[in-house]
Amino acid sequence: MNEFIELINDEGKKEKLEVLASFHLDDIEYAVLRYPDADEGMIYRIERDANDMPLFMMIEDDDELNEVIEIYEGMADEII
């Protein structure tokens, strides 16, 4: 069964995304999400607000993003 979440974009509109994976790396939580009609996912860093609600943050550091992509691809290779 696929898991979906709704996020509010920068324009205040709700967007439904499929959760492909979530994992931790060095005590940081990440999630791979994609639009239901998309072929590729997007990786977000998950931070928590004061109420422990998840905040999905774009990864702006190229080194961090490349490391997380490498970890995710390794996980995907093990599953397939």
N, C-alpha and C. Protein backbone atom coordinates (compact mmCIF):
# COMPACT_ATOMS: atom_id res chain seq x y z
N MET A 1 0.84 -1.19 0.00
CA MET A 1 0.00 0.00 0.00
C MET A 1 0.88 1.24 0.00
N ASN A 2 0.55 2.19 -0.85
CA ASN A 2 1.32 3.41 -0.95
C ASN A 2 0.88 4.40 0.11
N GLU A 3 1.84 5.11 0.64
CA GLU A 3 1.55 6.14 1.64
C GLU A 3 1.64 7.50 0.98
N PHE A 4 0.66 8.35 1.23
CA PHE A 4 0.63 9.69 0.68
C PHE A 4 0.54 10.70 1.82
N ILE A 5 1.10 11.88 1.57
CA ILE A 5 0.99 12.98 2.51
C ILE A 5 0.56 14.22 1.74
N GLU A 6 -0.01 15.17 2.44
CA GLU A 6 -0.35 16.46 1.84
C GLU A 6 0.55 17.52 2.44
N LEU A 7 1.17 18.27 1.56
CA LEU A 7 2.02 19.38 1.98
C LEU A 7 1.43 20.67 1.44
N ILE A 8 1.74 21.77 2.08
CA ILE A 8 1.33 23.08 1.61
C ILE A 8 2.55 23.72 0.96
N ASN A 9 2.41 24.08 -0.32
CA ASN A 9 3.55 24.65 -1.05
C ASN A 9 3.74 26.12 -0.69
N ASP A 10 4.73 26.74 -1.33
CA ASP A 10 5.05 28.14 -1.05
C ASP A 10 3.92 29.10 -1.38
N GLU A 11 3.00 28.65 -2.24
CA GLU A 11 1.88 29.48 -2.64
C GLU A 11 0.64 29.22 -1.77
N GLY A 12 0.78 28.36 -0.76
CA GLY A 12 -0.32 28.07 0.14
C GLY A 12 -1.29 27.01 -0.37
N LYS A 13 -0.94 26.34 -1.46
CA LYS A 13 -1.81 25.30 -2.03
C LYS A 13 -1.40 23.93 -1.52
N LYS A 14 -2.39 23.05 -1.29
CA LYS A 14 -2.10 21.68 -0.87
C LYS A 14 -1.64 20.86 -2.05
N GLU A 15 -0.62 20.03 -1.80
CA GLU A 15 -0.11 19.13 -2.81
C GLU A 15 -0.04 17.72 -2.22
N LYS A 16 -0.51 16.75 -2.95
CA LYS A 16 -0.47 15.36 -2.51
C LYS A 16 0.78 14.71 -3.09
N LEU A 17 1.60 14.13 -2.21
CA LEU A 17 2.83 13.47 -2.64
C LEU A 17 2.89 12.06 -2.06
N GLU A 18 3.49 11.17 -2.83
CA GLU A 18 3.68 9.79 -2.40
C GLU A 18 5.01 9.69 -1.65
N VAL A 19 5.01 8.98 -0.54
CA VAL A 19 6.23 8.76 0.23
C VAL A 19 6.89 7.49 -0.32
N LEU A 20 8.05 7.65 -0.96
CA LEU A 20 8.77 6.51 -1.50
C LEU A 20 9.65 5.85 -0.45
N ALA A 21 10.22 6.67 0.42
CA ALA A 21 11.12 6.14 1.46
C ALA A 21 11.37 7.22 2.50
N SER A 22 11.74 6.78 3.69
CA SER A 22 12.25 7.70 4.71
C SER A 22 13.37 6.96 5.44
N PHE A 23 14.38 7.70 5.86
CA PHE A 23 15.55 7.10 6.50
C PHE A 23 16.33 8.15 7.27
N HIS A 24 17.23 7.69 8.13
CA HIS A 24 18.08 8.57 8.92
C HIS A 24 19.52 8.45 8.43
N LEU A 25 20.23 9.55 8.48
CA LEU A 25 21.66 9.59 8.18
C LEU A 25 22.27 10.59 9.15
N ASP A 26 23.18 10.13 9.99
CA ASP A 26 23.83 11.01 10.98
C ASP A 26 22.80 11.78 11.81
N ASP A 27 21.80 11.08 12.32
CA ASP A 27 20.76 11.65 13.18
C ASP A 27 19.88 12.69 12.48
N ILE A 28 19.91 12.72 11.16
CA ILE A 28 19.03 13.61 10.40
C ILE A 28 18.07 12.72 9.63
N GLU A 29 16.79 13.08 9.66
CA GLU A 29 15.77 12.30 8.97
C GLU A 29 15.53 12.88 7.58
N TYR A 30 15.39 11.98 6.60
CA TYR A 30 15.14 12.37 5.22
C TYR A 30 13.94 11.61 4.69
N ALA A 31 13.31 12.18 3.67
CA ALA A 31 12.19 11.52 3.01
C ALA A 31 12.32 11.72 1.51
N VAL A 32 11.95 10.67 0.77
CA VAL A 32 11.90 10.75 -0.68
C VAL A 32 10.43 10.78 -1.06
N LEU A 33 10.02 11.87 -1.69
CA LEU A 33 8.62 12.08 -2.05
C LEU A 33 8.52 12.30 -3.56
N ARG A 34 7.35 11.98 -4.12
CA ARG A 34 7.12 12.29 -5.53
C ARG A 34 5.65 12.57 -5.76
N TYR A 35 5.41 13.34 -6.80
CA TYR A 35 4.03 13.58 -7.23
C TYR A 35 3.52 12.27 -7.83
N PRO A 36 2.24 11.96 -7.66
CA PRO A 36 1.71 10.68 -8.13
C PRO A 36 1.94 10.40 -9.61
N ASP A 37 2.02 11.41 -10.44
CA ASP A 37 2.21 11.20 -11.87
C ASP A 37 3.66 11.38 -12.32
N ALA A 38 4.59 11.53 -11.39
CA ALA A 38 6.00 11.75 -11.72
C ALA A 38 6.78 10.44 -11.71
N ASP A 39 7.87 10.42 -12.47
CA ASP A 39 8.73 9.25 -12.52
C ASP A 39 9.84 9.31 -11.46
N GLU A 40 10.25 10.51 -11.09
CA GLU A 40 11.36 10.67 -10.16
C GLU A 40 10.89 11.32 -8.86
N GLY A 41 11.62 11.00 -7.79
CA GLY A 41 11.31 11.56 -6.49
C GLY A 41 12.17 12.76 -6.16
N MET A 42 11.82 13.43 -5.07
CA MET A 42 12.57 14.56 -4.54
C MET A 42 12.94 14.24 -3.10
N ILE A 43 14.14 14.59 -2.71
CA ILE A 43 14.60 14.28 -1.36
C ILE A 43 14.49 15.53 -0.49
N TYR A 44 13.91 15.36 0.68
CA TYR A 44 13.74 16.45 1.64
C TYR A 44 14.38 16.07 2.97
N ARG A 45 14.92 17.06 3.66
CA ARG A 45 15.36 16.88 5.04
C ARG A 45 14.14 17.17 5.90
N ILE A 46 13.91 16.32 6.90
CA ILE A 46 12.77 16.52 7.79
C ILE A 46 13.26 17.14 9.09
N GLU A 47 12.72 18.30 9.39
CA GLU A 47 12.98 18.96 10.67
C GLU A 47 11.66 18.96 11.43
N ARG A 48 11.69 19.24 12.69
CA ARG A 48 10.48 19.22 13.52
C ARG A 48 10.23 20.60 14.10
N ASP A 49 8.94 20.99 14.15
CA ASP A 49 8.60 22.27 14.77
C ASP A 49 8.43 22.08 16.28
N ALA A 50 8.00 23.10 16.96
CA ALA A 50 7.86 23.06 18.41
C ALA A 50 6.85 22.01 18.88
N ASN A 51 5.91 21.64 18.01
CA ASN A 51 4.90 20.63 18.34
C ASN A 51 5.27 19.25 17.81
N ASP A 52 6.53 19.09 17.39
CA ASP A 52 7.06 17.84 16.84
C ASP A 52 6.40 17.46 15.52
N MET A 53 5.84 18.43 14.82
CA MET A 53 5.27 18.18 13.51
C MET A 53 6.39 18.28 12.47
N PRO A 54 6.37 17.39 11.47
CA PRO A 54 7.45 17.40 10.48
C PRO A 54 7.37 18.61 9.54
N LEU A 55 8.54 19.15 9.25
CA LEU A 55 8.70 20.22 8.26
C LEU A 55 9.61 19.67 7.18
N PHE A 56 9.16 19.65 5.95
CA PHE A 56 9.94 19.10 4.85
C PHE A 56 10.72 20.22 4.20
N MET A 57 12.05 20.15 4.33
CA MET A 57 12.93 21.22 3.89
C MET A 57 13.73 20.77 2.67
N MET A 58 13.82 21.65 1.68
CA MET A 58 14.66 21.37 0.52
C MET A 58 16.12 21.33 0.98
N ILE A 59 16.90 20.45 0.40
CA ILE A 59 18.33 20.35 0.72
C ILE A 59 19.07 21.27 -0.23
N GLU A 60 19.68 22.31 0.31
CA GLU A 60 20.35 23.29 -0.54
C GLU A 60 21.85 23.06 -0.65
N ASP A 61 22.41 22.29 0.26
CA ASP A 61 23.85 22.01 0.24
C ASP A 61 24.10 20.84 -0.72
N ASP A 62 24.87 21.08 -1.79
CA ASP A 62 25.11 20.05 -2.81
C ASP A 62 25.80 18.82 -2.25
N ASP A 63 26.75 19.00 -1.34
CA ASP A 63 27.46 17.85 -0.76
C ASP A 63 26.50 16.98 0.04
N GLU A 64 25.65 17.60 0.85
CA GLU A 64 24.66 16.86 1.63
C GLU A 64 23.70 16.12 0.69
N LEU A 65 23.22 16.81 -0.33
CA LEU A 65 22.28 16.20 -1.27
C LEU A 65 22.90 15.01 -1.98
N ASN A 66 24.13 15.16 -2.45
CA ASN A 66 24.80 14.05 -3.14
C ASN A 66 24.99 12.85 -2.22
N GLU A 67 25.33 13.08 -0.97
CA GLU A 67 25.51 11.99 -0.01
C GLU A 67 24.18 11.27 0.23
N VAL A 68 23.11 12.04 0.39
CA VAL A 68 21.80 11.45 0.64
C VAL A 68 21.31 10.67 -0.58
N ILE A 69 21.54 11.20 -1.78
CA ILE A 69 21.17 10.49 -3.00
C ILE A 69 21.91 9.16 -3.08
N GLU A 70 23.19 9.17 -2.77
CA GLU A 70 24.00 7.94 -2.81
C GLU A 70 23.45 6.90 -1.83
N ILE A 71 23.10 7.33 -0.62
CA ILE A 71 22.54 6.41 0.37
C ILE A 71 21.21 5.85 -0.12
N TYR A 72 20.34 6.72 -0.64
CA TYR A 72 19.03 6.27 -1.11
C TYR A 72 19.17 5.29 -2.28
N GLU A 73 20.06 5.59 -3.22
CA GLU A 73 20.25 4.68 -4.36
C GLU A 73 20.77 3.33 -3.90
N GLY A 74 21.64 3.32 -2.88
CA GLY A 74 22.12 2.07 -2.31
C GLY A 74 20.99 1.27 -1.67
N MET A 75 20.10 1.98 -0.98
CA MET A 75 18.94 1.31 -0.38
C MET A 75 18.04 0.72 -1.48
N ALA A 76 17.81 1.49 -2.53
CA ALA A 76 16.94 1.05 -3.61
C ALA A 76 17.55 -0.17 -4.31
N ASP A 77 18.87 -0.18 -4.49
CA ASP A 77 19.54 -1.32 -5.14
C ASP A 77 19.37 -2.59 -4.31
N GLU A 78 19.39 -2.47 -2.97
CA GLU A 78 19.23 -3.63 -2.11
C GLU A 78 17.81 -4.20 -2.17
N ILE A 79 16.84 -3.33 -2.39
CA ILE A 79 15.44 -3.76 -2.45
C ILE A 79 15.14 -4.49 -3.76
N ILE A 80 15.74 -4.00 -4.84
CA ILE A 80 15.44 -4.56 -6.17
C ILE A 80 16.14 -5.86 -6.41
